Amino acid sequence: MSKFKQALKWMDEGKKVRRPKWKEKSFWAFGRDEAILFMGVLTAKVHLKQIMADDWEIYEEPKKEIPGVKKEIMVNGIEYKLMAIGIPVADDDIRYESSWYTKDPRKQGGN
């Protein structure tokens, strides 16, 4: 947790910031003209309580799930994970629905 001055520094570095009590996907970031934007779109309303707060943190975007794509599957008790894009398929890799899965950790990488 940090003070507002640190939050400004983080925004100047291109990072997004938030306070823990805000809604899950809420954040502030600098726009092109260095105006503080709420969720990257709306001009933020900066209140004195926000400036005085010492609980600022860097906002981490939630990982986006691919609808309908499983990250891992079990086949005969063996775990296979989603393959990274662009990896050649081998005989021991498995196709399930529209995706390829592998038990080789070097080839795994689906987000």
N, C-alpha and C. Protein backbone atom coordinates (compact mmCIF):
# COMPACT_ATOMS: atom_id res chain seq x y z
N MET A 1 0.84 -1.17 0.00
CA MET A 1 0.00 0.00 0.00
C MET A 1 0.89 1.24 0.00
N SER A 2 0.47 2.23 -0.75
CA SER A 2 1.30 3.42 -0.90
C SER A 2 0.47 4.68 -0.87
N LYS A 3 1.18 5.79 -0.74
CA LYS A 3 0.54 7.10 -0.74
C LYS A 3 0.27 7.54 -2.17
N PHE A 4 -0.52 8.61 -2.29
CA PHE A 4 -0.93 9.12 -3.60
C PHE A 4 0.26 9.55 -4.45
N LYS A 5 1.30 10.08 -3.82
CA LYS A 5 2.49 10.49 -4.56
C LYS A 5 3.10 9.30 -5.31
N GLN A 6 3.13 8.14 -4.67
CA GLN A 6 3.63 6.93 -5.33
C GLN A 6 2.68 6.50 -6.44
N ALA A 7 1.38 6.64 -6.21
CA ALA A 7 0.40 6.30 -7.24
C ALA A 7 0.62 7.16 -8.49
N LEU A 8 0.90 8.44 -8.29
CA LEU A 8 1.19 9.33 -9.43
C LEU A 8 2.44 8.86 -10.18
N LYS A 9 3.45 8.45 -9.44
CA LYS A 9 4.69 7.95 -10.06
C LYS A 9 4.39 6.71 -10.90
N TRP A 10 3.60 5.79 -10.34
CA TRP A 10 3.25 4.58 -11.07
C TRP A 10 2.49 4.92 -12.35
N MET A 11 1.54 5.86 -12.25
CA MET A 11 0.78 6.26 -13.45
C MET A 11 1.71 6.90 -14.48
N ASP A 12 2.68 7.67 -14.01
CA ASP A 12 3.65 8.28 -14.91
C ASP A 12 4.47 7.22 -15.64
N GLU A 13 4.65 6.06 -15.01
CA GLU A 13 5.36 4.93 -15.62
C GLU A 13 4.45 4.10 -16.53
N GLY A 14 3.18 4.53 -16.66
CA GLY A 14 2.25 3.81 -17.53
C GLY A 14 1.43 2.74 -16.84
N LYS A 15 1.56 2.65 -15.53
CA LYS A 15 0.81 1.64 -14.79
C LYS A 15 -0.55 2.18 -14.38
N LYS A 16 -1.45 1.26 -14.07
CA LYS A 16 -2.78 1.61 -13.58
C LYS A 16 -2.78 1.44 -12.07
N VAL A 17 -3.53 2.29 -11.37
CA VAL A 17 -3.58 2.22 -9.91
C VAL A 17 -5.02 2.17 -9.43
N ARG A 18 -5.15 1.73 -8.18
CA ARG A 18 -6.48 1.64 -7.58
C ARG A 18 -6.34 1.63 -6.07
N ARG A 19 -7.48 1.73 -5.42
CA ARG A 19 -7.54 1.55 -3.98
C ARG A 19 -8.30 0.25 -3.71
N PRO A 20 -7.92 -0.49 -2.68
CA PRO A 20 -8.52 -1.80 -2.43
C PRO A 20 -10.03 -1.81 -2.27
N LYS A 21 -10.60 -0.71 -1.76
CA LYS A 21 -12.05 -0.70 -1.54
C LYS A 21 -12.86 -0.43 -2.81
N TRP A 22 -12.18 -0.14 -3.93
CA TRP A 22 -12.89 0.13 -5.18
C TRP A 22 -13.45 -1.17 -5.76
N LYS A 23 -14.43 -1.02 -6.66
CA LYS A 23 -14.99 -2.19 -7.34
C LYS A 23 -13.87 -2.92 -8.09
N GLU A 24 -14.09 -4.20 -8.32
CA GLU A 24 -13.05 -5.09 -8.84
C GLU A 24 -12.28 -4.59 -10.06
N LYS A 25 -12.94 -4.09 -11.06
CA LYS A 25 -12.26 -3.70 -12.31
C LYS A 25 -12.05 -2.18 -12.42
N SER A 26 -12.08 -1.48 -11.30
CA SER A 26 -11.92 -0.02 -11.30
C SER A 26 -10.46 0.36 -11.14
N PHE A 27 -10.02 1.35 -11.89
CA PHE A 27 -8.64 1.83 -11.78
C PHE A 27 -8.53 3.23 -12.33
N TRP A 28 -7.41 3.88 -12.03
CA TRP A 28 -7.05 5.17 -12.60
C TRP A 28 -5.79 4.99 -13.43
N ALA A 29 -5.67 5.79 -14.48
CA ALA A 29 -4.47 5.80 -15.32
C ALA A 29 -4.35 7.17 -15.96
N PHE A 30 -3.14 7.55 -16.34
CA PHE A 30 -2.96 8.81 -17.05
C PHE A 30 -3.40 8.65 -18.50
N GLY A 31 -4.10 9.67 -19.01
CA GLY A 31 -4.45 9.72 -20.42
C GLY A 31 -3.33 10.38 -21.21
N ARG A 32 -3.56 10.63 -22.48
CA ARG A 32 -2.55 11.25 -23.35
C ARG A 32 -2.09 12.61 -22.84
N ASP A 33 -3.03 13.38 -22.33
CA ASP A 33 -2.70 14.74 -21.86
C ASP A 33 -2.38 14.75 -20.36
N GLU A 34 -2.07 13.58 -19.81
CA GLU A 34 -1.75 13.39 -18.40
C GLU A 34 -2.91 13.69 -17.46
N ALA A 35 -4.12 13.72 -18.00
CA ALA A 35 -5.29 13.80 -17.14
C ALA A 35 -5.50 12.42 -16.52
N ILE A 36 -5.99 12.38 -15.29
CA ILE A 36 -6.25 11.10 -14.64
C ILE A 36 -7.59 10.59 -15.16
N LEU A 37 -7.57 9.38 -15.70
CA LEU A 37 -8.78 8.78 -16.27
C LEU A 37 -9.24 7.62 -15.41
N PHE A 38 -10.56 7.52 -15.24
CA PHE A 38 -11.17 6.39 -14.53
C PHE A 38 -11.44 5.29 -15.54
N MET A 39 -10.88 4.12 -15.33
CA MET A 39 -11.02 2.97 -16.22
C MET A 39 -10.55 3.29 -17.64
N GLY A 40 -9.63 4.23 -17.77
CA GLY A 40 -9.03 4.56 -19.05
C GLY A 40 -9.90 5.38 -19.98
N VAL A 41 -11.09 5.79 -19.52
CA VAL A 41 -12.02 6.47 -20.42
C VAL A 41 -12.52 7.80 -19.86
N LEU A 42 -13.06 7.78 -18.68
CA LEU A 42 -13.70 8.96 -18.10
C LEU A 42 -12.72 9.76 -17.25
N THR A 43 -12.84 11.09 -17.28
CA THR A 43 -12.01 11.92 -16.41
C THR A 43 -12.38 11.62 -14.96
N ALA A 44 -11.37 11.29 -14.16
CA ALA A 44 -11.62 10.93 -12.76
C ALA A 44 -11.95 12.16 -11.93
N LYS A 45 -12.80 11.96 -10.95
CA LYS A 45 -13.10 13.01 -9.98
C LYS A 45 -12.18 12.76 -8.78
N VAL A 46 -11.18 13.61 -8.64
CA VAL A 46 -10.19 13.44 -7.58
C VAL A 46 -10.65 14.22 -6.34
N HIS A 47 -10.86 13.51 -5.26
CA HIS A 47 -11.29 14.11 -4.01
C HIS A 47 -10.12 14.18 -3.04
N LEU A 48 -10.20 15.07 -2.08
CA LEU A 48 -9.15 15.21 -1.07
C LEU A 48 -8.89 13.88 -0.35
N LYS A 49 -9.94 13.11 -0.08
CA LYS A 49 -9.77 11.82 0.60
C LYS A 49 -8.90 10.88 -0.24
N GLN A 50 -9.02 10.97 -1.57
CA GLN A 50 -8.20 10.13 -2.44
C GLN A 50 -6.73 10.54 -2.33
N ILE A 51 -6.48 11.84 -2.33
CA ILE A 51 -5.10 12.35 -2.27
C ILE A 51 -4.46 12.01 -0.92
N MET A 52 -5.23 12.04 0.13
CA MET A 52 -4.71 11.77 1.47
C MET A 52 -4.57 10.27 1.77
N ALA A 53 -5.19 9.44 0.98
CA ALA A 53 -5.17 8.00 1.23
C ALA A 53 -3.75 7.43 1.11
N ASP A 54 -3.48 6.40 1.90
CA ASP A 54 -2.17 5.75 1.84
C ASP A 54 -2.30 4.26 1.52
N ASP A 55 -3.39 3.91 0.83
CA ASP A 55 -3.60 2.51 0.50
C ASP A 55 -3.63 2.25 -1.01
N TRP A 56 -2.92 3.07 -1.78
CA TRP A 56 -2.87 2.90 -3.24
C TRP A 56 -2.06 1.67 -3.60
N GLU A 57 -2.49 1.01 -4.67
CA GLU A 57 -1.78 -0.18 -5.16
C GLU A 57 -1.82 -0.20 -6.68
N ILE A 58 -0.92 -0.96 -7.28
CA ILE A 58 -0.92 -1.13 -8.73
C ILE A 58 -2.07 -2.05 -9.10
N TYR A 59 -2.81 -1.66 -10.13
CA TYR A 59 -3.94 -2.47 -10.61
C TYR A 59 -3.42 -3.53 -11.57
N GLU A 60 -3.72 -4.78 -11.29
CA GLU A 60 -3.36 -5.89 -12.17
C GLU A 60 -4.61 -6.32 -12.93
N GLU A 61 -4.53 -6.28 -14.24
CA GLU A 61 -5.68 -6.69 -15.06
C GLU A 61 -5.95 -8.18 -14.85
N PRO A 62 -7.22 -8.54 -14.69
CA PRO A 62 -7.53 -9.97 -14.58
C PRO A 62 -7.22 -10.66 -15.90
N LYS A 63 -6.72 -11.89 -15.80
CA LYS A 63 -6.42 -12.64 -17.02
C LYS A 63 -7.73 -12.94 -17.74
N LYS A 64 -7.69 -12.77 -19.04
CA LYS A 64 -8.88 -13.00 -19.84
C LYS A 64 -9.03 -14.49 -20.15
N GLU A 65 -10.18 -14.99 -19.85
CA GLU A 65 -10.49 -16.39 -20.14
C GLU A 65 -11.00 -16.50 -21.57
N ILE A 66 -10.64 -17.56 -22.23
CA ILE A 66 -11.15 -17.83 -23.57
C ILE A 66 -12.43 -18.64 -23.39
N PRO A 67 -13.58 -18.07 -23.76
CA PRO A 67 -14.84 -18.78 -23.53
C PRO A 67 -14.85 -20.16 -24.20
N GLY A 68 -15.22 -21.16 -23.43
CA GLY A 68 -15.35 -22.51 -23.98
C GLY A 68 -14.05 -23.28 -24.13
N VAL A 69 -12.90 -22.68 -23.80
CA VAL A 69 -11.62 -23.38 -23.91
C VAL A 69 -11.14 -23.74 -22.51
N LYS A 70 -10.90 -25.03 -22.30
CA LYS A 70 -10.41 -25.49 -21.00
C LYS A 70 -8.89 -25.33 -20.95
N LYS A 71 -8.37 -24.95 -19.78
CA LYS A 71 -6.92 -24.79 -19.62
C LYS A 71 -6.22 -26.12 -19.49
N GLU A 72 -6.92 -27.11 -18.95
CA GLU A 72 -6.34 -28.44 -18.84
C GLU A 72 -7.44 -29.49 -18.92
N ILE A 73 -7.05 -30.69 -19.30
CA ILE A 73 -7.98 -31.82 -19.36
C ILE A 73 -7.27 -33.03 -18.77
N MET A 74 -8.04 -34.01 -18.32
CA MET A 74 -7.49 -35.27 -17.81
C MET A 74 -7.88 -36.38 -18.77
N VAL A 75 -6.89 -37.17 -19.17
CA VAL A 75 -7.13 -38.32 -20.05
C VAL A 75 -6.42 -39.51 -19.43
N ASN A 76 -7.18 -40.54 -19.08
CA ASN A 76 -6.64 -41.75 -18.45
C ASN A 76 -5.76 -41.41 -17.25
N GLY A 77 -6.18 -40.44 -16.44
CA GLY A 77 -5.45 -40.06 -15.24
C GLY A 77 -4.23 -39.18 -15.48
N ILE A 78 -3.98 -38.78 -16.73
CA ILE A 78 -2.83 -37.92 -17.05
C ILE A 78 -3.34 -36.53 -17.39
N GLU A 79 -2.70 -35.52 -16.79
CA GLU A 79 -3.10 -34.13 -17.03
C GLU A 79 -2.42 -33.59 -18.28
N TYR A 80 -3.23 -33.03 -19.16
CA TYR A 80 -2.74 -32.35 -20.38
C TYR A 80 -3.14 -30.89 -20.25
N LYS A 81 -2.22 -29.99 -20.61
CA LYS A 81 -2.51 -28.56 -20.53
C LYS A 81 -2.56 -27.96 -21.92
N LEU A 82 -3.26 -26.85 -22.03
CA LEU A 82 -3.42 -26.14 -23.29
C LEU A 82 -2.06 -25.78 -23.87
N MET A 83 -1.86 -26.08 -25.15
CA MET A 83 -0.58 -25.81 -25.81
C MET A 83 -0.44 -24.34 -26.19
N ALA A 84 0.78 -23.86 -26.18
CA ALA A 84 1.08 -22.51 -26.64
C ALA A 84 0.82 -22.46 -28.15
N ILE A 85 0.50 -21.28 -28.65
CA ILE A 85 0.25 -21.10 -30.08
C ILE A 85 1.55 -21.20 -30.85
N GLY A 86 1.52 -21.85 -32.00
CA GLY A 86 2.69 -21.93 -32.87
C GLY A 86 3.63 -23.09 -32.57
N ILE A 87 3.26 -23.95 -31.64
CA ILE A 87 4.11 -25.10 -31.29
C ILE A 87 3.70 -26.28 -32.17
N PRO A 88 4.68 -26.97 -32.79
CA PRO A 88 4.35 -28.14 -33.61
C PRO A 88 3.70 -29.23 -32.75
N VAL A 89 2.71 -29.88 -33.31
CA VAL A 89 1.98 -30.95 -32.62
C VAL A 89 2.75 -32.25 -32.79
N ALA A 90 2.84 -33.04 -31.71
CA ALA A 90 3.50 -34.34 -31.73
C ALA A 90 2.45 -35.44 -31.58
N ASP A 91 2.89 -36.68 -31.76
CA ASP A 91 1.97 -37.82 -31.69
C ASP A 91 1.31 -37.98 -30.32
N ASP A 92 1.99 -37.56 -29.26
CA ASP A 92 1.42 -37.74 -27.93
C ASP A 92 0.59 -36.55 -27.45
N ASP A 93 0.42 -35.53 -28.29
CA ASP A 93 -0.46 -34.42 -27.97
C ASP A 93 -1.90 -34.80 -28.31
N ILE A 94 -2.83 -34.15 -27.66
CA ILE A 94 -4.24 -34.53 -27.82
C ILE A 94 -5.06 -33.34 -28.31
N ARG A 95 -5.93 -33.59 -29.26
CA ARG A 95 -6.88 -32.56 -29.71
C ARG A 95 -8.19 -32.81 -28.99
N TYR A 96 -8.70 -31.76 -28.35
CA TYR A 96 -9.99 -31.84 -27.68
C TYR A 96 -10.80 -30.64 -28.11
N GLU A 97 -11.93 -30.90 -28.72
CA GLU A 97 -12.76 -29.86 -29.32
C GLU A 97 -11.92 -29.06 -30.30
N SER A 98 -11.73 -27.76 -30.11
CA SER A 98 -11.00 -26.97 -31.10
C SER A 98 -9.57 -26.62 -30.67
N SER A 99 -9.07 -27.25 -29.60
CA SER A 99 -7.75 -26.89 -29.08
C SER A 99 -6.85 -28.12 -28.95
N TRP A 100 -5.55 -27.85 -28.90
CA TRP A 100 -4.55 -28.90 -28.70
C TRP A 100 -4.01 -28.84 -27.28
N TYR A 101 -3.80 -30.02 -26.69
CA TYR A 101 -3.30 -30.13 -25.32
C TYR A 101 -2.07 -31.03 -25.29
N THR A 102 -1.17 -30.77 -24.33
CA THR A 102 0.07 -31.52 -24.23
C THR A 102 0.41 -31.78 -22.77
N LYS A 103 1.18 -32.84 -22.54
CA LYS A 103 1.69 -33.08 -21.18
C LYS A 103 3.13 -32.59 -21.06
N ASP A 104 3.71 -32.10 -22.15
CA ASP A 104 5.09 -31.59 -22.17
C ASP A 104 5.10 -30.14 -21.68
N PRO A 105 5.70 -29.86 -20.50
CA PRO A 105 5.66 -28.50 -19.94
C PRO A 105 6.31 -27.45 -20.85
N ARG A 106 7.25 -27.85 -21.70
CA ARG A 106 7.91 -26.88 -22.59
C ARG A 106 6.98 -26.37 -23.67
N LYS A 107 5.91 -27.10 -23.92
CA LYS A 107 4.98 -26.72 -25.00
C LYS A 107 3.69 -26.12 -24.47
N GLN A 108 3.54 -26.06 -23.15
CA GLN A 108 2.33 -25.52 -22.56
C GLN A 108 2.41 -24.01 -22.53
N GLY A 109 1.27 -23.37 -22.62
CA GLY A 109 1.32 -21.92 -22.58
C GLY A 109 0.00 -21.26 -22.82
N GLY A 110 -1.07 -21.98 -22.84
CA GLY A 110 -2.38 -21.34 -23.05
C GLY A 110 -2.72 -20.45 -21.89
N ASN A 111 -3.18 -19.21 -22.17
CA ASN A 111 -3.54 -18.27 -21.09
C ASN A 111 -4.89 -18.61 -20.60
